[in-house]
N, C-alpha and C. Protein backbone atom coordinates (compact mmCIF):
# COMPACT_ATOMS: atom_id res chain seq x y z
N MET A 1 37.90 -29.87 18.24
CA MET A 1 38.76 -28.90 17.60
C MET A 1 39.20 -27.89 18.65
N ASP A 2 40.47 -27.76 18.83
CA ASP A 2 41.02 -26.89 19.86
C ASP A 2 41.43 -25.57 19.22
N ARG A 3 40.86 -24.48 19.73
CA ARG A 3 41.24 -23.16 19.21
C ARG A 3 42.53 -22.72 19.88
N GLN A 4 43.35 -22.15 19.10
CA GLN A 4 44.59 -21.63 19.67
C GLN A 4 44.40 -20.16 19.97
N HIS A 5 44.76 -19.79 21.17
CA HIS A 5 44.66 -18.40 21.57
C HIS A 5 45.99 -17.72 21.32
N LYS A 6 45.88 -16.47 20.89
CA LYS A 6 47.09 -15.71 20.61
C LYS A 6 47.53 -15.00 21.89
N ASP A 7 48.80 -14.96 22.10
CA ASP A 7 49.33 -14.16 23.20
C ASP A 7 49.50 -12.74 22.72
N VAL A 8 48.96 -11.82 23.48
CA VAL A 8 49.09 -10.42 23.13
C VAL A 8 49.97 -9.78 24.18
N THR A 9 50.98 -9.11 23.74
CA THR A 9 51.89 -8.46 24.67
C THR A 9 51.69 -6.96 24.55
N ILE A 10 51.42 -6.33 25.69
CA ILE A 10 51.25 -4.89 25.72
C ILE A 10 52.46 -4.33 26.43
N LYS A 11 53.14 -3.47 25.75
CA LYS A 11 54.33 -2.87 26.36
C LYS A 11 54.05 -1.40 26.60
N GLY A 12 54.28 -0.96 27.81
CA GLY A 12 54.08 0.44 28.13
C GLY A 12 55.28 0.97 28.89
N SER A 13 55.69 2.16 28.55
CA SER A 13 56.88 2.72 29.18
C SER A 13 56.58 3.27 30.56
N HIS A 14 55.31 3.65 30.85
CA HIS A 14 54.99 4.24 32.14
C HIS A 14 54.36 3.23 33.09
N SER A 15 54.36 1.99 32.77
CA SER A 15 53.72 0.97 33.57
C SER A 15 54.70 0.38 34.57
N ARG A 16 54.16 -0.15 35.67
CA ARG A 16 55.02 -0.80 36.64
C ARG A 16 55.52 -2.13 36.12
N HIS A 17 54.69 -2.77 35.32
CA HIS A 17 55.07 -4.04 34.74
C HIS A 17 55.60 -3.81 33.34
N PRO A 18 56.77 -4.24 33.06
CA PRO A 18 57.34 -3.98 31.74
C PRO A 18 56.55 -4.65 30.63
N SER A 19 55.92 -5.78 30.87
CA SER A 19 55.11 -6.42 29.84
C SER A 19 54.02 -7.23 30.51
N VAL A 20 52.87 -7.25 29.89
CA VAL A 20 51.72 -8.00 30.40
C VAL A 20 51.27 -8.93 29.30
N SER A 21 51.04 -10.15 29.64
CA SER A 21 50.60 -11.13 28.66
C SER A 21 49.11 -11.41 28.89
N VAL A 22 48.27 -11.24 27.84
CA VAL A 22 46.82 -11.43 27.93
C VAL A 22 46.40 -12.40 26.84
N LYS A 23 45.61 -13.37 27.22
CA LYS A 23 45.06 -14.29 26.23
C LYS A 23 43.80 -13.64 25.65
N SER A 24 43.59 -13.74 24.34
CA SER A 24 42.38 -13.16 23.75
C SER A 24 41.20 -14.09 24.00
N LEU A 25 40.05 -13.47 24.24
CA LEU A 25 38.83 -14.22 24.50
C LEU A 25 37.85 -14.02 23.34
N PRO A 26 37.08 -15.03 23.02
CA PRO A 26 36.01 -14.81 22.03
C PRO A 26 35.02 -13.80 22.57
N ARG A 27 34.40 -13.03 21.69
CA ARG A 27 33.51 -11.95 22.07
C ARG A 27 32.33 -12.48 22.91
N ARG A 28 31.77 -13.62 22.55
CA ARG A 28 30.64 -14.18 23.27
C ARG A 28 31.01 -14.50 24.71
N VAL A 29 32.20 -15.10 24.92
CA VAL A 29 32.64 -15.43 26.27
C VAL A 29 32.85 -14.16 27.08
N PHE A 30 33.44 -13.16 26.48
CA PHE A 30 33.67 -11.89 27.16
C PHE A 30 32.35 -11.26 27.60
N LEU A 31 31.36 -11.23 26.69
CA LEU A 31 30.06 -10.63 27.03
C LEU A 31 29.36 -11.42 28.12
N GLN A 32 29.47 -12.75 28.09
CA GLN A 32 28.85 -13.55 29.13
C GLN A 32 29.52 -13.32 30.47
N LEU A 33 30.83 -13.14 30.48
CA LEU A 33 31.53 -12.84 31.72
C LEU A 33 31.11 -11.49 32.28
N MET A 34 30.79 -10.56 31.40
CA MET A 34 30.36 -9.23 31.82
C MET A 34 28.89 -9.21 32.25
N GLY A 35 28.18 -10.31 32.06
CA GLY A 35 26.80 -10.38 32.50
C GLY A 35 25.78 -10.21 31.40
N PHE A 36 26.21 -10.10 30.16
CA PHE A 36 25.29 -9.95 29.04
C PHE A 36 25.10 -11.31 28.39
N SER A 37 23.95 -11.88 28.59
CA SER A 37 23.65 -13.15 27.93
C SER A 37 22.17 -13.16 27.58
N PRO A 38 21.78 -14.00 26.66
CA PRO A 38 20.36 -14.06 26.30
C PRO A 38 19.50 -14.42 27.50
N ILE A 39 20.02 -15.23 28.40
CA ILE A 39 19.24 -15.62 29.58
C ILE A 39 19.04 -14.42 30.50
N SER A 40 20.04 -13.55 30.62
CA SER A 40 19.89 -12.39 31.50
C SER A 40 18.82 -11.45 30.99
N LEU A 41 18.60 -11.41 29.68
CA LEU A 41 17.54 -10.55 29.15
C LEU A 41 16.17 -11.10 29.51
N CYS A 42 16.06 -12.41 29.67
CA CYS A 42 14.78 -13.00 30.09
C CYS A 42 14.56 -12.79 31.57
N ILE A 43 15.63 -12.91 32.37
CA ILE A 43 15.50 -12.77 33.82
C ILE A 43 15.31 -11.31 34.19
N TYR A 44 16.04 -10.43 33.55
CA TYR A 44 15.97 -8.99 33.82
C TYR A 44 15.34 -8.28 32.64
N PRO A 45 14.01 -8.23 32.56
CA PRO A 45 13.37 -7.62 31.39
C PRO A 45 13.59 -6.12 31.28
N LEU A 46 14.16 -5.51 32.29
CA LEU A 46 14.46 -4.08 32.19
C LEU A 46 15.47 -3.80 31.09
N PHE A 47 16.35 -4.78 30.82
CA PHE A 47 17.37 -4.58 29.80
C PHE A 47 16.85 -4.89 28.40
N ALA A 48 15.75 -5.58 28.31
CA ALA A 48 15.20 -5.97 27.01
C ALA A 48 14.41 -4.82 26.42
N ALA A 49 14.22 -4.85 25.10
CA ALA A 49 13.41 -3.84 24.42
C ALA A 49 11.96 -4.03 24.81
N PRO A 50 11.21 -2.93 24.98
CA PRO A 50 9.81 -3.07 25.37
C PRO A 50 8.98 -3.69 24.24
N MET A 51 8.01 -4.51 24.61
CA MET A 51 7.12 -5.14 23.64
C MET A 51 6.01 -4.16 23.31
N GLN A 52 5.73 -4.01 22.03
CA GLN A 52 4.63 -3.16 21.61
C GLN A 52 3.35 -3.97 21.59
N ASP A 53 2.23 -3.27 21.84
CA ASP A 53 0.94 -3.96 21.75
C ASP A 53 0.68 -4.29 20.30
N MET A 54 0.30 -5.52 20.04
CA MET A 54 0.03 -5.97 18.69
C MET A 54 -1.47 -5.95 18.45
N ASN A 55 -1.89 -5.17 17.47
CA ASN A 55 -3.30 -5.13 17.09
C ASN A 55 -3.49 -6.01 15.86
N GLU A 56 -4.68 -6.55 15.74
CA GLU A 56 -4.98 -7.35 14.56
C GLU A 56 -5.01 -6.43 13.34
N PRO A 57 -4.36 -6.82 12.24
CA PRO A 57 -4.39 -5.97 11.05
C PRO A 57 -5.80 -5.94 10.46
N GLU A 58 -6.15 -4.77 9.91
CA GLU A 58 -7.46 -4.65 9.29
C GLU A 58 -7.41 -5.33 7.93
N VAL A 59 -8.33 -6.23 7.71
CA VAL A 59 -8.36 -6.98 6.47
C VAL A 59 -9.38 -6.35 5.54
N ILE A 60 -8.95 -6.04 4.32
CA ILE A 60 -9.86 -5.50 3.32
C ILE A 60 -10.30 -6.67 2.46
N ARG A 61 -11.55 -7.01 2.54
CA ARG A 61 -12.09 -8.14 1.79
C ARG A 61 -12.36 -7.72 0.34
N THR A 62 -12.22 -8.67 -0.56
CA THR A 62 -12.48 -8.43 -1.97
C THR A 62 -13.77 -9.13 -2.36
N LEU A 63 -14.64 -8.38 -3.04
CA LEU A 63 -15.90 -8.91 -3.52
C LEU A 63 -15.79 -9.06 -5.03
N LYS A 64 -16.10 -10.24 -5.54
CA LYS A 64 -16.05 -10.46 -6.99
C LYS A 64 -17.47 -10.46 -7.53
N LEU A 65 -17.72 -9.56 -8.50
CA LEU A 65 -19.04 -9.46 -9.11
C LEU A 65 -19.14 -10.42 -10.30
N SER A 66 -20.34 -10.61 -10.79
CA SER A 66 -20.57 -11.57 -11.87
C SER A 66 -19.83 -11.20 -13.16
N GLY A 67 -19.61 -9.93 -13.43
CA GLY A 67 -18.92 -9.52 -14.65
C GLY A 67 -17.40 -9.65 -14.56
N GLY A 68 -16.89 -10.08 -13.40
CA GLY A 68 -15.45 -10.23 -13.23
C GLY A 68 -14.80 -9.08 -12.48
N VAL A 69 -15.56 -8.05 -12.16
CA VAL A 69 -15.03 -6.90 -11.43
C VAL A 69 -14.76 -7.33 -9.99
N ARG A 70 -13.59 -6.96 -9.47
CA ARG A 70 -13.24 -7.23 -8.07
C ARG A 70 -13.20 -5.90 -7.34
N ILE A 71 -13.94 -5.82 -6.22
CA ILE A 71 -14.09 -4.56 -5.49
C ILE A 71 -13.57 -4.73 -4.07
N GLN A 72 -12.82 -3.72 -3.61
CA GLN A 72 -12.41 -3.62 -2.21
C GLN A 72 -13.03 -2.34 -1.65
N GLU A 73 -13.78 -2.48 -0.58
CA GLU A 73 -14.39 -1.33 0.09
C GLU A 73 -13.34 -0.77 1.05
N ILE A 74 -12.85 0.43 0.77
CA ILE A 74 -11.82 1.04 1.62
C ILE A 74 -12.48 1.89 2.70
N ILE A 75 -13.40 2.78 2.29
CA ILE A 75 -14.17 3.60 3.22
C ILE A 75 -15.63 3.44 2.81
N GLU A 76 -16.49 3.17 3.79
CA GLU A 76 -17.89 2.88 3.45
C GLU A 76 -18.69 4.13 3.07
N GLY A 77 -18.47 5.24 3.70
CA GLY A 77 -19.25 6.45 3.40
C GLY A 77 -20.52 6.50 4.22
N GLU A 78 -21.30 7.56 4.00
CA GLU A 78 -22.54 7.79 4.76
C GLU A 78 -23.63 8.29 3.82
N GLY A 79 -24.87 8.16 4.26
CA GLY A 79 -25.99 8.67 3.48
C GLY A 79 -26.56 7.62 2.56
N ARG A 80 -27.29 8.10 1.56
CA ARG A 80 -27.97 7.17 0.65
C ARG A 80 -26.99 6.60 -0.37
N GLU A 81 -27.37 5.47 -0.92
CA GLU A 81 -26.54 4.79 -1.90
C GLU A 81 -26.86 5.29 -3.30
N ALA A 82 -25.85 5.28 -4.16
CA ALA A 82 -26.05 5.65 -5.57
C ALA A 82 -26.78 4.50 -6.26
N ARG A 83 -27.74 4.88 -7.14
CA ARG A 83 -28.55 3.87 -7.84
C ARG A 83 -28.45 4.11 -9.35
N ASP A 84 -28.91 3.12 -10.11
CA ASP A 84 -28.96 3.27 -11.58
C ASP A 84 -29.73 4.53 -11.94
N GLY A 85 -29.20 5.26 -12.91
CA GLY A 85 -29.86 6.48 -13.38
C GLY A 85 -29.40 7.74 -12.67
N ASP A 86 -28.75 7.63 -11.51
CA ASP A 86 -28.25 8.81 -10.79
C ASP A 86 -27.06 9.40 -11.53
N TYR A 87 -26.83 10.68 -11.30
CA TYR A 87 -25.59 11.31 -11.72
C TYR A 87 -24.73 11.43 -10.47
N VAL A 88 -23.46 11.09 -10.58
CA VAL A 88 -22.56 11.13 -9.43
C VAL A 88 -21.33 11.95 -9.76
N GLN A 89 -20.80 12.59 -8.74
CA GLN A 89 -19.55 13.35 -8.88
C GLN A 89 -18.47 12.57 -8.15
N VAL A 90 -17.38 12.25 -8.86
CA VAL A 90 -16.35 11.39 -8.30
C VAL A 90 -14.95 11.93 -8.58
N ASN A 91 -14.03 11.51 -7.74
CA ASN A 91 -12.59 11.61 -8.01
C ASN A 91 -12.11 10.20 -8.23
N TYR A 92 -11.16 10.03 -9.14
CA TYR A 92 -10.65 8.67 -9.37
C TYR A 92 -9.19 8.72 -9.76
N VAL A 93 -8.54 7.58 -9.54
CA VAL A 93 -7.19 7.34 -10.02
C VAL A 93 -7.28 6.05 -10.81
N CYS A 94 -6.76 6.08 -12.03
CA CYS A 94 -6.77 4.89 -12.88
C CYS A 94 -5.33 4.44 -13.09
N ARG A 95 -5.11 3.15 -12.87
CA ARG A 95 -3.80 2.55 -13.07
C ARG A 95 -3.95 1.28 -13.89
N ARG A 96 -2.87 0.91 -14.55
CA ARG A 96 -2.84 -0.38 -15.22
C ARG A 96 -2.69 -1.46 -14.15
N SER A 97 -2.93 -2.71 -14.51
CA SER A 97 -2.89 -3.79 -13.52
C SER A 97 -1.49 -4.01 -12.96
N ASN A 98 -0.45 -3.52 -13.65
CA ASN A 98 0.90 -3.64 -13.11
C ASN A 98 1.27 -2.45 -12.21
N GLY A 99 0.32 -1.55 -11.97
CA GLY A 99 0.53 -0.43 -11.06
C GLY A 99 0.93 0.87 -11.72
N TYR A 100 1.21 0.85 -13.03
CA TYR A 100 1.60 2.08 -13.72
C TYR A 100 0.42 3.05 -13.79
N PHE A 101 0.71 4.30 -13.51
CA PHE A 101 -0.28 5.37 -13.49
C PHE A 101 -0.78 5.66 -14.90
N VAL A 102 -2.10 5.84 -15.04
CA VAL A 102 -2.69 6.22 -16.33
C VAL A 102 -3.29 7.61 -16.25
N HIS A 103 -4.22 7.82 -15.31
CA HIS A 103 -4.89 9.12 -15.20
C HIS A 103 -5.50 9.30 -13.82
N SER A 104 -5.65 10.55 -13.41
CA SER A 104 -6.27 10.86 -12.13
C SER A 104 -6.96 12.20 -12.21
N THR A 105 -8.03 12.36 -11.43
CA THR A 105 -8.69 13.66 -11.32
C THR A 105 -8.09 14.49 -10.20
N VAL A 106 -7.17 13.91 -9.44
CA VAL A 106 -6.51 14.61 -8.35
C VAL A 106 -5.05 14.81 -8.73
N ASP A 107 -4.58 16.06 -8.70
CA ASP A 107 -3.19 16.35 -9.03
C ASP A 107 -2.30 15.81 -7.92
N GLN A 108 -1.33 15.00 -8.29
CA GLN A 108 -0.49 14.35 -7.27
C GLN A 108 0.46 15.30 -6.56
N PHE A 109 0.73 16.46 -7.15
CA PHE A 109 1.67 17.39 -6.54
C PHE A 109 0.97 18.44 -5.68
N SER A 110 -0.08 19.05 -6.21
CA SER A 110 -0.76 20.12 -5.46
C SER A 110 -1.93 19.59 -4.63
N GLY A 111 -2.47 18.43 -4.98
CA GLY A 111 -3.61 17.88 -4.26
C GLY A 111 -4.93 18.43 -4.73
N GLU A 112 -4.89 19.34 -5.73
CA GLU A 112 -6.13 19.90 -6.26
C GLU A 112 -6.88 18.84 -7.04
N SER A 113 -8.21 18.87 -6.93
CA SER A 113 -8.99 17.87 -7.64
C SER A 113 -9.88 18.52 -8.68
N SER A 114 -10.14 17.76 -9.72
CA SER A 114 -11.06 18.17 -10.79
C SER A 114 -12.07 17.05 -10.94
N PRO A 115 -13.04 16.97 -10.02
CA PRO A 115 -13.97 15.85 -10.06
C PRO A 115 -14.75 15.80 -11.37
N VAL A 116 -15.16 14.61 -11.76
CA VAL A 116 -15.96 14.43 -12.95
C VAL A 116 -17.37 14.01 -12.54
N THR A 117 -18.34 14.40 -13.36
CA THR A 117 -19.72 14.01 -13.14
C THR A 117 -20.04 12.93 -14.16
N LEU A 118 -20.53 11.80 -13.64
CA LEU A 118 -20.82 10.65 -14.50
C LEU A 118 -22.24 10.17 -14.28
N PRO A 119 -22.92 9.77 -15.36
CA PRO A 119 -24.24 9.16 -15.20
C PRO A 119 -24.07 7.67 -14.92
N LEU A 120 -24.87 7.12 -14.05
CA LEU A 120 -24.81 5.68 -13.79
C LEU A 120 -25.68 4.97 -14.84
N ASP A 121 -25.16 4.98 -16.04
CA ASP A 121 -25.83 4.38 -17.19
C ASP A 121 -24.76 3.66 -18.01
N GLU A 122 -24.88 2.34 -18.17
CA GLU A 122 -23.82 1.57 -18.82
C GLU A 122 -23.66 1.88 -20.31
N ASN A 123 -24.57 2.68 -20.88
CA ASN A 123 -24.38 3.11 -22.27
C ASN A 123 -23.48 4.33 -22.37
N GLN A 124 -23.22 4.99 -21.21
CA GLN A 124 -22.41 6.20 -21.22
C GLN A 124 -21.08 6.06 -20.47
N ILE A 125 -21.01 5.18 -19.49
CA ILE A 125 -19.73 4.94 -18.80
C ILE A 125 -19.40 3.46 -18.90
N ILE A 126 -18.16 3.13 -18.61
CA ILE A 126 -17.78 1.72 -18.70
C ILE A 126 -18.58 0.91 -17.67
N LYS A 127 -19.03 -0.25 -18.08
CA LYS A 127 -19.91 -1.07 -17.25
C LYS A 127 -19.26 -1.43 -15.91
N GLY A 128 -17.98 -1.73 -15.93
CA GLY A 128 -17.30 -2.09 -14.70
C GLY A 128 -17.30 -0.97 -13.68
N LEU A 129 -17.12 0.26 -14.14
CA LEU A 129 -17.13 1.41 -13.23
C LEU A 129 -18.55 1.68 -12.73
N LYS A 130 -19.54 1.48 -13.57
CA LYS A 130 -20.94 1.62 -13.12
C LYS A 130 -21.23 0.62 -12.00
N ASP A 131 -20.75 -0.62 -12.16
CA ASP A 131 -20.95 -1.64 -11.13
C ASP A 131 -20.26 -1.25 -9.82
N VAL A 132 -19.11 -0.60 -9.92
CA VAL A 132 -18.37 -0.16 -8.73
C VAL A 132 -19.12 0.96 -8.02
N LEU A 133 -19.63 1.93 -8.78
CA LEU A 133 -20.28 3.10 -8.19
C LEU A 133 -21.68 2.80 -7.66
N THR A 134 -22.38 1.85 -8.27
CA THR A 134 -23.72 1.51 -7.81
C THR A 134 -23.63 0.90 -6.41
N GLY A 135 -24.36 1.49 -5.49
CA GLY A 135 -24.35 1.01 -4.11
C GLY A 135 -23.38 1.76 -3.21
N MET A 136 -22.56 2.63 -3.77
CA MET A 136 -21.64 3.42 -2.94
C MET A 136 -22.40 4.53 -2.23
N LYS A 137 -21.88 4.93 -1.07
CA LYS A 137 -22.44 6.04 -0.32
C LYS A 137 -21.50 7.24 -0.44
N VAL A 138 -22.04 8.44 -0.23
CA VAL A 138 -21.26 9.67 -0.33
C VAL A 138 -20.12 9.62 0.68
N GLY A 139 -18.91 9.94 0.22
CA GLY A 139 -17.72 9.89 1.06
C GLY A 139 -17.04 8.53 1.01
N GLY A 140 -17.67 7.57 0.38
CA GLY A 140 -17.11 6.23 0.28
C GLY A 140 -15.97 6.17 -0.72
N LYS A 141 -15.11 5.18 -0.52
CA LYS A 141 -13.97 5.00 -1.41
C LYS A 141 -13.82 3.51 -1.68
N ARG A 142 -13.67 3.17 -2.96
CA ARG A 142 -13.49 1.78 -3.36
C ARG A 142 -12.32 1.65 -4.33
N ARG A 143 -11.71 0.49 -4.28
CA ARG A 143 -10.67 0.12 -5.24
C ARG A 143 -11.22 -1.05 -6.04
N ALA A 144 -11.06 -1.00 -7.36
CA ALA A 144 -11.63 -2.06 -8.18
C ALA A 144 -10.69 -2.46 -9.31
N LEU A 145 -10.68 -3.73 -9.58
CA LEU A 145 -9.97 -4.28 -10.73
C LEU A 145 -11.03 -4.56 -11.78
N ILE A 146 -10.95 -3.84 -12.90
CA ILE A 146 -11.96 -3.94 -13.95
C ILE A 146 -11.36 -4.66 -15.15
N PRO A 147 -11.90 -5.84 -15.48
CA PRO A 147 -11.38 -6.57 -16.64
C PRO A 147 -11.77 -5.89 -17.95
N PRO A 148 -11.06 -6.16 -19.04
CA PRO A 148 -11.34 -5.49 -20.31
C PRO A 148 -12.73 -5.78 -20.86
N SER A 149 -13.32 -6.90 -20.50
CA SER A 149 -14.65 -7.24 -21.04
C SER A 149 -15.74 -6.28 -20.56
N VAL A 150 -15.53 -5.62 -19.40
CA VAL A 150 -16.48 -4.63 -18.90
C VAL A 150 -15.80 -3.27 -18.75
N GLY A 151 -14.71 -3.08 -19.48
CA GLY A 151 -13.96 -1.82 -19.44
C GLY A 151 -14.27 -0.97 -20.66
N TYR A 152 -13.23 -0.44 -21.27
CA TYR A 152 -13.39 0.45 -22.43
C TYR A 152 -13.59 -0.38 -23.70
N ILE A 153 -14.84 -0.84 -23.90
CA ILE A 153 -15.11 -1.63 -25.10
C ILE A 153 -15.31 -0.75 -26.33
N ASN A 154 -15.55 0.54 -26.12
CA ASN A 154 -15.48 1.51 -27.23
C ASN A 154 -14.96 2.84 -26.69
N GLU A 155 -14.52 3.70 -27.60
CA GLU A 155 -13.83 4.93 -27.21
C GLU A 155 -14.75 6.03 -26.72
N ASN A 156 -16.06 5.84 -26.79
CA ASN A 156 -17.00 6.89 -26.40
C ASN A 156 -17.45 6.79 -24.95
N LEU A 157 -17.06 5.72 -24.25
CA LEU A 157 -17.48 5.55 -22.88
C LEU A 157 -16.64 6.41 -21.94
N LYS A 158 -17.29 6.96 -20.93
CA LYS A 158 -16.61 7.81 -19.95
C LYS A 158 -16.08 6.96 -18.82
N PRO A 159 -15.19 7.40 -18.00
CA PRO A 159 -14.46 8.67 -18.08
C PRO A 159 -13.27 8.58 -19.02
N ILE A 160 -13.15 9.59 -19.86
CA ILE A 160 -12.02 9.71 -20.79
C ILE A 160 -11.33 11.03 -20.45
N PRO A 161 -10.01 11.02 -20.23
CA PRO A 161 -9.30 12.27 -19.95
C PRO A 161 -9.35 13.22 -21.14
N ASP A 162 -9.37 14.51 -20.84
CA ASP A 162 -9.39 15.52 -21.91
C ASP A 162 -8.03 15.66 -22.58
N GLU A 163 -6.95 15.47 -21.82
CA GLU A 163 -5.61 15.66 -22.35
C GLU A 163 -5.24 14.51 -23.29
N PHE A 164 -4.47 14.85 -24.32
CA PHE A 164 -4.10 13.86 -25.34
C PHE A 164 -3.29 12.70 -24.78
N GLY A 165 -2.26 12.99 -23.98
CA GLY A 165 -1.36 11.95 -23.46
C GLY A 165 -2.09 10.91 -22.61
N PRO A 166 -2.81 11.34 -21.57
CA PRO A 166 -3.53 10.36 -20.75
C PRO A 166 -4.61 9.61 -21.55
N ARG A 167 -5.29 10.31 -22.49
CA ARG A 167 -6.31 9.64 -23.30
C ARG A 167 -5.66 8.54 -24.14
N ARG A 168 -4.55 8.86 -24.77
CA ARG A 168 -3.84 7.88 -25.60
C ARG A 168 -3.35 6.71 -24.76
N SER A 169 -2.81 7.00 -23.59
CA SER A 169 -2.33 5.94 -22.69
C SER A 169 -3.47 5.04 -22.26
N LEU A 170 -4.60 5.64 -21.90
CA LEU A 170 -5.75 4.87 -21.45
C LEU A 170 -6.29 3.98 -22.56
N LEU A 171 -6.50 4.55 -23.73
CA LEU A 171 -7.09 3.78 -24.82
C LEU A 171 -6.13 2.75 -25.40
N SER A 172 -4.82 2.99 -25.29
CA SER A 172 -3.87 2.00 -25.79
C SER A 172 -3.78 0.79 -24.85
N HIS A 173 -4.25 0.94 -23.61
CA HIS A 173 -4.24 -0.18 -22.66
C HIS A 173 -5.66 -0.65 -22.35
N ALA A 174 -6.59 -0.39 -23.25
CA ALA A 174 -7.99 -0.76 -23.02
C ALA A 174 -8.20 -2.27 -23.06
N LYS A 175 -7.28 -3.00 -23.62
CA LYS A 175 -7.43 -4.45 -23.73
C LYS A 175 -6.83 -5.19 -22.54
N GLU A 176 -6.47 -4.47 -21.49
CA GLU A 176 -5.94 -5.11 -20.29
C GLU A 176 -6.72 -4.63 -19.08
N PRO A 177 -6.66 -5.37 -17.97
CA PRO A 177 -7.41 -4.94 -16.77
C PRO A 177 -6.89 -3.60 -16.25
N LEU A 178 -7.81 -2.81 -15.72
CA LEU A 178 -7.47 -1.51 -15.15
C LEU A 178 -7.89 -1.48 -13.69
N ILE A 179 -7.13 -0.74 -12.89
CA ILE A 179 -7.45 -0.57 -11.48
C ILE A 179 -7.94 0.86 -11.28
N PHE A 180 -9.14 0.98 -10.75
CA PHE A 180 -9.71 2.29 -10.44
C PHE A 180 -9.83 2.42 -8.93
N GLU A 181 -9.37 3.54 -8.39
CA GLU A 181 -9.67 3.93 -7.01
C GLU A 181 -10.63 5.11 -7.12
N VAL A 182 -11.84 4.91 -6.62
CA VAL A 182 -12.92 5.87 -6.82
C VAL A 182 -13.41 6.38 -5.48
N GLN A 183 -13.59 7.70 -5.39
CA GLN A 183 -14.19 8.32 -4.20
C GLN A 183 -15.44 9.04 -4.63
N LEU A 184 -16.56 8.67 -4.04
CA LEU A 184 -17.86 9.29 -4.37
C LEU A 184 -18.01 10.58 -3.57
N LEU A 185 -18.09 11.71 -4.26
CA LEU A 185 -18.20 13.01 -3.60
C LEU A 185 -19.64 13.45 -3.41
N LYS A 186 -20.47 13.29 -4.46
CA LYS A 186 -21.87 13.74 -4.41
C LYS A 186 -22.73 12.84 -5.26
N ILE A 187 -23.98 12.73 -4.87
CA ILE A 187 -25.00 12.13 -5.73
C ILE A 187 -25.89 13.28 -6.15
N LEU A 188 -25.97 13.53 -7.45
CA LEU A 188 -26.74 14.69 -7.95
C LEU A 188 -28.15 14.32 -8.34
């Protein structure tokens, strides 16, 4: 297939030549004639973009417990681990499994927190959250997917928000998996 080149005539009144005829060139050919080609970038790396050092991405492993709870350890924490029967002070964010926000002890605008104190007793808090908190260290942070079978099986289990809207939202979605991001502040 033969490409036809257009003749371009440039007329200038102040030029020595009354008319100049120039054939148009494809952009790639023009750039190669000027010295810009993919090969020149390999030969002359000064013109190429600098390569950044590539680090291996940190992989957050998921642990699946026997009750169906899936836990990701985000920050391990320090000190002793929380055990059954302890009282713990935590901040948490609760979301539905599709990512919609339900409730949090940390205000998203001001950053102020209102930590809650919970007993590590499955008769008082949801069993899935007890499983997440047991074994955590102070300063640790975990993300967990809690299935409904070990979630809010009745309305008296903690943590329940005090405000009507978040409480209603939480209890209306009690039959679906919930995602908790929990930070252990203190073991009391």
